[in-house]
Amino acid sequence: MKEEPAEEFEVVCPYCGEEIELHLDADLAGALVQDCEVCCNPWLLRISQDEDGRRVDIARADGSD
């Protein structure tokens, strides 16, 4: 079985404003929580697919939005 390569996405941390490059597996979809590698605050990542390709939306995961 051939492994799909990871895809790269540029996101901006909703806490510290730092631009971060994410490497996400090609088969990853849905919502997940990941900490910022700069300020360690939790992100809520929503990964979706449409006719234009994959999309990653990012928000605060601490309930402060």
N, C-alpha and C. Protein backbone atom coordinates (compact mmCIF):
# COMPACT_ATOMS: atom_id res chain seq x y z
N MET A 1 0.85 -1.18 0.00
CA MET A 1 0.00 0.00 0.00
C MET A 1 0.89 1.24 0.00
N LYS A 2 0.64 2.16 -0.91
CA LYS A 2 1.43 3.38 -1.05
C LYS A 2 0.94 4.44 -0.07
N GLU A 3 1.87 5.07 0.64
CA GLU A 3 1.52 6.11 1.60
C GLU A 3 1.41 7.46 0.91
N GLU A 4 0.33 8.18 1.19
CA GLU A 4 0.13 9.51 0.62
C GLU A 4 1.05 10.51 1.29
N PRO A 5 1.63 11.45 0.53
CA PRO A 5 2.49 12.45 1.15
C PRO A 5 1.68 13.46 1.97
N ALA A 6 2.34 14.04 2.95
CA ALA A 6 1.69 15.09 3.75
C ALA A 6 1.55 16.35 2.90
N GLU A 7 0.52 17.13 3.18
CA GLU A 7 0.32 18.41 2.51
C GLU A 7 0.70 19.51 3.48
N GLU A 8 1.20 20.61 2.94
CA GLU A 8 1.62 21.74 3.76
C GLU A 8 0.61 22.87 3.64
N PHE A 9 0.32 23.49 4.79
CA PHE A 9 -0.61 24.62 4.86
C PHE A 9 0.02 25.71 5.72
N GLU A 10 -0.13 26.95 5.32
CA GLU A 10 0.30 28.09 6.12
C GLU A 10 -0.90 28.60 6.90
N VAL A 11 -0.77 28.69 8.23
CA VAL A 11 -1.83 29.22 9.08
C VAL A 11 -1.24 30.29 9.98
N VAL A 12 -2.11 31.14 10.50
CA VAL A 12 -1.70 32.18 11.44
C VAL A 12 -2.34 31.88 12.78
N CYS A 13 -1.53 31.81 13.83
CA CYS A 13 -2.03 31.51 15.16
C CYS A 13 -3.01 32.60 15.60
N PRO A 14 -4.22 32.22 16.04
CA PRO A 14 -5.20 33.22 16.48
C PRO A 14 -4.86 33.84 17.84
N TYR A 15 -3.83 33.37 18.49
CA TYR A 15 -3.39 33.93 19.77
C TYR A 15 -2.20 34.88 19.59
N CYS A 16 -1.09 34.36 19.05
CA CYS A 16 0.15 35.15 18.99
C CYS A 16 0.40 35.78 17.63
N GLY A 17 -0.37 35.40 16.59
CA GLY A 17 -0.22 35.98 15.27
C GLY A 17 0.95 35.43 14.46
N GLU A 18 1.63 34.44 14.99
CA GLU A 18 2.77 33.84 14.29
C GLU A 18 2.28 32.99 13.11
N GLU A 19 2.97 33.10 11.97
CA GLU A 19 2.64 32.26 10.81
C GLU A 19 3.36 30.93 10.97
N ILE A 20 2.60 29.85 10.88
CA ILE A 20 3.10 28.50 11.12
C ILE A 20 2.82 27.64 9.89
N GLU A 21 3.77 26.78 9.54
CA GLU A 21 3.58 25.83 8.45
C GLU A 21 3.17 24.50 9.05
N LEU A 22 1.98 24.02 8.67
CA LEU A 22 1.47 22.73 9.14
C LEU A 22 1.70 21.67 8.08
N HIS A 23 2.05 20.48 8.52
CA HIS A 23 2.18 19.32 7.64
C HIS A 23 1.08 18.35 8.05
N LEU A 24 0.08 18.18 7.19
CA LEU A 24 -1.07 17.32 7.50
C LEU A 24 -1.12 16.15 6.54
N ASP A 25 -1.34 14.95 7.09
CA ASP A 25 -1.49 13.76 6.26
C ASP A 25 -2.63 13.95 5.27
N ALA A 26 -2.48 13.41 4.09
CA ALA A 26 -3.46 13.59 3.03
C ALA A 26 -4.82 13.01 3.38
N ASP A 27 -4.88 11.99 4.24
CA ASP A 27 -6.16 11.37 4.58
C ASP A 27 -6.81 11.96 5.83
N LEU A 28 -6.22 12.99 6.42
CA LEU A 28 -6.75 13.62 7.62
C LEU A 28 -7.90 14.55 7.25
N ALA A 29 -9.03 14.42 7.95
CA ALA A 29 -10.20 15.27 7.71
C ALA A 29 -10.95 15.46 9.01
N GLY A 30 -11.82 16.46 9.05
CA GLY A 30 -12.63 16.72 10.24
C GLY A 30 -12.02 17.79 11.12
N ALA A 31 -12.26 17.69 12.42
CA ALA A 31 -11.79 18.70 13.38
C ALA A 31 -10.81 18.06 14.35
N LEU A 32 -9.80 18.81 14.73
CA LEU A 32 -8.86 18.35 15.73
C LEU A 32 -8.28 19.53 16.48
N VAL A 33 -7.73 19.27 17.64
CA VAL A 33 -7.09 20.30 18.45
C VAL A 33 -5.59 20.08 18.39
N GLN A 34 -4.87 21.18 18.17
CA GLN A 34 -3.41 21.13 18.13
C GLN A 34 -2.88 22.39 18.79
N ASP A 35 -1.80 22.27 19.54
CA ASP A 35 -1.20 23.43 20.20
C ASP A 35 -0.27 24.18 19.26
N CYS A 36 -0.25 25.52 19.40
CA CYS A 36 0.68 26.35 18.65
C CYS A 36 2.10 26.00 19.09
N GLU A 37 3.00 25.81 18.15
CA GLU A 37 4.38 25.48 18.50
C GLU A 37 5.16 26.69 19.00
N VAL A 38 4.59 27.89 18.90
CA VAL A 38 5.26 29.09 19.39
C VAL A 38 4.76 29.46 20.79
N CYS A 39 3.43 29.65 20.95
CA CYS A 39 2.88 30.12 22.23
C CYS A 39 2.18 29.03 23.03
N CYS A 40 2.05 27.83 22.48
CA CYS A 40 1.47 26.65 23.15
C CYS A 40 -0.02 26.74 23.46
N ASN A 41 -0.73 27.72 22.92
CA ASN A 41 -2.18 27.79 23.10
C ASN A 41 -2.87 26.84 22.13
N PRO A 42 -4.06 26.32 22.49
CA PRO A 42 -4.73 25.31 21.66
C PRO A 42 -5.51 25.92 20.49
N TRP A 43 -5.32 25.30 19.34
CA TRP A 43 -6.07 25.67 18.13
C TRP A 43 -7.14 24.62 17.88
N LEU A 44 -8.24 25.04 17.27
CA LEU A 44 -9.22 24.12 16.71
C LEU A 44 -9.03 24.18 15.20
N LEU A 45 -8.57 23.09 14.62
CA LEU A 45 -8.37 23.00 13.17
C LEU A 45 -9.55 22.28 12.56
N ARG A 46 -10.11 22.84 11.51
CA ARG A 46 -11.18 22.19 10.74
C ARG A 46 -10.64 21.96 9.34
N ILE A 47 -10.55 20.71 8.97
CA ILE A 47 -9.98 20.32 7.68
C ILE A 47 -11.12 19.83 6.79
N SER A 48 -11.29 20.48 5.66
CA SER A 48 -12.39 20.11 4.76
C SER A 48 -11.87 19.99 3.33
N GLN A 49 -12.68 19.37 2.50
CA GLN A 49 -12.33 19.13 1.09
C GLN A 49 -13.48 19.63 0.23
N ASP A 50 -13.14 20.34 -0.84
CA ASP A 50 -14.15 20.74 -1.83
C ASP A 50 -13.53 20.61 -3.22
N GLU A 51 -14.22 21.11 -4.22
CA GLU A 51 -13.73 20.95 -5.60
C GLU A 51 -12.41 21.70 -5.86
N ASP A 52 -12.07 22.66 -5.02
CA ASP A 52 -10.82 23.41 -5.17
C ASP A 52 -9.66 22.80 -4.39
N GLY A 53 -9.91 21.73 -3.64
CA GLY A 53 -8.86 21.09 -2.86
C GLY A 53 -9.16 21.13 -1.38
N ARG A 54 -8.15 20.81 -0.58
CA ARG A 54 -8.33 20.81 0.87
C ARG A 54 -8.19 22.21 1.43
N ARG A 55 -8.89 22.42 2.54
CA ARG A 55 -8.88 23.73 3.19
C ARG A 55 -8.73 23.50 4.70
N VAL A 56 -7.96 24.39 5.34
CA VAL A 56 -7.78 24.32 6.79
C VAL A 56 -8.23 25.65 7.38
N ASP A 57 -9.21 25.59 8.28
CA ASP A 57 -9.67 26.77 9.03
C ASP A 57 -9.17 26.62 10.46
N ILE A 58 -8.75 27.73 11.05
CA ILE A 58 -8.18 27.69 12.39
C ILE A 58 -8.91 28.67 13.29
N ALA A 59 -9.14 28.26 14.54
CA ALA A 59 -9.80 29.12 15.54
C ALA A 59 -9.22 28.77 16.90
N ARG A 60 -9.51 29.63 17.87
CA ARG A 60 -9.11 29.35 19.25
C ARG A 60 -9.91 28.16 19.77
N ALA A 61 -9.25 27.29 20.51
CA ALA A 61 -9.92 26.10 21.06
C ALA A 61 -10.16 26.21 22.56
N ASP A 62 -10.03 27.44 23.11
CA ASP A 62 -10.20 27.60 24.55
C ASP A 62 -11.58 28.15 24.91
N GLY A 63 -12.48 28.26 23.92
CA GLY A 63 -13.83 28.74 24.17
C GLY A 63 -13.96 30.25 24.24
N SER A 64 -12.90 31.00 23.90
CA SER A 64 -12.93 32.46 24.02
C SER A 64 -13.38 33.18 22.77
N ASP A 65 -13.68 32.44 21.70
CA ASP A 65 -14.14 33.09 20.46
C ASP A 65 -15.53 33.66 20.61
